[in-house]
Amino acid sequence: MAADPILFQAGQWLGVAGGGLALLTVAAFVARWGVRFRLVGITSFTVLLAVSCLAFAVSYTPRVSVEGAVVVPVVYDNGADLVVAAAPDDLPADAVAASLEQLALNVRGRGRTSPDREVRVRLRRLEPAADGASRPVVLGELRRDLASGELRGGS
């Protein structure tokens, strides 16, 4: 089951509990119970949890999965227009395009400061070079338009 229906239902139940606690808190102030200030904290925290659950349930988007893709870790993301992922040494050649597409589709656009609203997504592998050093070899690149979600081949 997806996380958003569970969180939405939890937010509703927490909202009901927060409303009940609010009524109890008002009754505690009217009756001048000794726990009235503790009830203020409990009520406000319960309402905060309800609002947080509801907000996350509304904003949650599951990750995209592409058939034939391998999950690759992101090793560099400048927060603007470049994301680089590391391919494992045993990545099959036919999985490069699918893995690159999956990675590009899972890049979130909110908060990115790319001037042209486009993100370059690269898949690279490290190959050994002389003297124990290594050099990065780019296996593929895609460009994703953040406004439309359209994917294009890299440069």
Protein backbone atom coordinates (compact mmCIF):
# COMPACT_ATOMS: atom_id res chain seq x y z
CA MET A 1 0.00 0.00 0.00
CA ALA A 2 1.28 3.47 -0.84
CA ALA A 3 2.33 5.76 1.98
CA ASP A 4 -0.04 8.60 1.16
CA PRO A 5 -3.38 6.85 2.02
CA ILE A 6 -1.95 5.62 5.31
CA LEU A 7 -0.61 9.06 6.21
CA PHE A 8 -3.86 10.72 5.16
CA GLN A 9 -5.86 8.43 7.41
CA ALA A 10 -3.38 8.90 10.26
CA GLY A 11 -3.65 12.66 9.81
CA GLN A 12 -7.43 12.45 10.02
CA TRP A 13 -7.32 10.36 13.20
CA LEU A 14 -4.73 12.67 14.75
CA GLY A 15 -6.95 15.63 13.83
CA VAL A 16 -9.90 14.02 15.62
CA ALA A 17 -7.68 13.31 18.62
CA GLY A 18 -6.41 16.91 18.56
CA GLY A 19 -9.98 18.22 18.52
CA GLY A 20 -10.90 16.01 21.47
CA LEU A 21 -7.81 17.11 23.35
CA ALA A 22 -8.66 20.75 22.60
CA LEU A 23 -12.09 20.27 24.18
CA LEU A 24 -10.48 18.56 27.16
CA THR A 25 -7.97 21.42 27.47
CA VAL A 26 -10.77 24.01 27.50
CA ALA A 27 -12.58 21.97 30.16
CA ALA A 28 -9.35 21.79 32.19
CA PHE A 29 -9.00 25.58 32.11
CA VAL A 30 -12.63 26.11 33.10
CA ALA A 31 -12.35 23.60 35.96
CA ARG A 32 -8.82 24.84 36.83
CA TRP A 33 -7.29 21.36 36.81
CA GLY A 34 -3.60 21.09 37.65
CA VAL A 35 -2.73 19.41 34.33
CA ARG A 36 -4.19 22.15 32.14
CA PHE A 37 -0.82 23.48 30.97
CA ARG A 38 0.41 19.98 30.14
CA LEU A 39 -2.75 19.48 28.10
CA VAL A 40 -1.89 22.61 26.08
CA GLY A 41 1.42 21.03 25.08
CA ILE A 42 -0.12 17.64 24.32
CA THR A 43 -2.89 19.23 22.26
CA SER A 44 -0.58 21.47 20.25
CA PHE A 45 1.80 18.58 19.53
CA THR A 46 -1.08 16.33 18.41
CA VAL A 47 -2.41 19.05 16.10
CA LEU A 48 1.11 19.58 14.73
CA LEU A 49 1.40 15.84 14.00
CA ALA A 50 -1.99 15.86 12.26
CA VAL A 51 -1.07 18.80 10.03
CA SER A 52 2.33 17.28 9.23
CA CYS A 53 0.83 13.92 8.26
CA LEU A 54 -1.79 15.55 6.07
CA ALA A 55 0.77 17.82 4.38
CA PHE A 56 3.12 14.92 3.66
CA ALA A 57 0.27 12.74 2.37
CA VAL A 58 -0.74 15.45 -0.08
CA SER A 59 2.81 16.20 -1.28
CA TYR A 60 4.17 12.63 -1.45
CA THR A 61 5.13 11.35 -4.91
CA PRO A 62 6.47 7.81 -5.25
CA ARG A 63 9.69 7.11 -7.10
CA VAL A 64 9.48 6.10 -10.76
CA SER A 65 10.71 2.64 -11.67
CA VAL A 66 11.85 1.82 -15.21
CA GLU A 67 12.01 -1.79 -16.38
CA GLY A 68 15.58 -3.01 -16.81
CA ALA A 69 17.08 -0.21 -14.76
CA VAL A 70 19.59 -0.63 -11.99
CA VAL A 71 19.44 1.64 -8.95
CA VAL A 72 22.55 3.81 -9.00
CA PRO A 73 23.68 6.16 -6.23
CA VAL A 74 23.90 9.89 -6.85
CA VAL A 75 27.44 11.05 -6.13
CA TYR A 76 27.11 14.71 -7.10
CA ASP A 77 24.19 17.09 -7.25
CA ASN A 78 24.86 20.81 -7.46
CA GLY A 79 21.22 21.66 -6.74
CA ALA A 80 20.88 23.53 -10.01
CA ASP A 81 21.50 21.87 -13.34
CA LEU A 82 23.77 18.83 -12.88
CA VAL A 83 23.27 15.41 -11.28
CA VAL A 84 25.95 12.71 -11.55
CA ALA A 85 25.45 9.07 -10.57
CA ALA A 86 28.03 6.31 -10.19
CA ALA A 87 27.53 3.17 -12.23
CA PRO A 88 28.73 -0.11 -10.73
CA ASP A 89 31.57 -1.91 -12.51
CA ASP A 90 29.30 -4.81 -13.47
CA LEU A 91 26.53 -2.65 -15.02
CA PRO A 92 25.39 -4.28 -18.28
CA ALA A 93 25.53 -2.07 -21.38
CA ASP A 94 21.81 -2.56 -22.06
CA ALA A 95 20.91 -1.27 -18.57
CA VAL A 96 22.69 2.08 -19.00
CA ALA A 97 19.86 3.79 -20.90
CA ALA A 98 17.15 2.46 -18.57
CA SER A 99 19.12 3.40 -15.43
CA LEU A 100 19.78 6.87 -16.80
CA GLU A 101 16.10 7.33 -17.65
CA GLN A 102 15.01 6.18 -14.18
CA LEU A 103 17.47 8.54 -12.54
CA ALA A 104 16.33 11.48 -14.69
CA LEU A 105 12.65 10.81 -13.99
CA ASN A 106 13.29 10.73 -10.23
CA VAL A 107 15.06 14.11 -10.15
CA ARG A 108 12.84 16.59 -8.35
CA GLY A 109 12.56 20.08 -9.79
CA ARG A 110 11.45 22.02 -6.75
CA GLY A 111 14.19 24.17 -5.29
CA ARG A 112 16.55 23.88 -8.27
CA THR A 113 18.06 27.12 -9.52
CA SER A 114 18.74 26.10 -13.11
CA PRO A 115 18.44 29.21 -15.31
CA ASP A 116 16.91 27.32 -18.25
CA ARG A 117 14.79 24.95 -16.06
CA GLU A 118 16.76 22.01 -17.41
CA VAL A 119 18.82 19.42 -15.54
CA ARG A 120 21.62 17.34 -17.02
CA VAL A 121 21.77 13.82 -15.59
CA ARG A 122 24.99 11.87 -16.15
CA LEU A 123 25.91 8.27 -15.45
CA ARG A 124 29.62 7.71 -14.98
CA ARG A 125 32.02 4.94 -14.07
CA LEU A 126 35.51 5.23 -12.63
CA GLU A 127 38.22 3.44 -14.61
CA PRO A 128 41.72 2.89 -13.26
CA ALA A 129 44.46 5.11 -14.64
CA ALA A 130 48.20 5.22 -14.04
CA ASP A 131 49.73 5.45 -10.56
CA GLY A 132 46.67 4.18 -8.67
CA ALA A 133 44.50 7.09 -9.77
CA SER A 134 41.22 6.76 -11.58
CA ARG A 135 39.44 8.77 -14.23
CA PRO A 136 35.70 9.21 -14.71
CA VAL A 137 34.16 7.91 -17.94
CA VAL A 138 30.69 9.21 -18.78
CA LEU A 139 28.48 6.34 -19.95
CA GLY A 140 25.51 8.50 -20.87
CA GLU A 141 23.72 11.76 -20.34
CA LEU A 142 20.10 12.89 -20.47
CA ARG A 143 18.57 16.32 -20.17
CA ARG A 144 15.27 16.75 -18.38
CA ASP A 145 13.11 19.80 -18.83
CA LEU A 146 11.76 20.52 -15.35
CA ALA A 147 8.75 22.45 -16.64
CA SER A 148 7.38 19.74 -18.95
CA GLY A 149 9.20 16.64 -17.68
CA GLU A 150 10.41 15.88 -21.21
CA LEU A 151 13.63 13.87 -21.59
CA ARG A 152 16.18 14.53 -24.33
CA GLY A 153 19.49 12.92 -25.19
CA GLY A 154 22.59 14.61 -23.87
CA SER A 155 25.26 16.56 -25.67
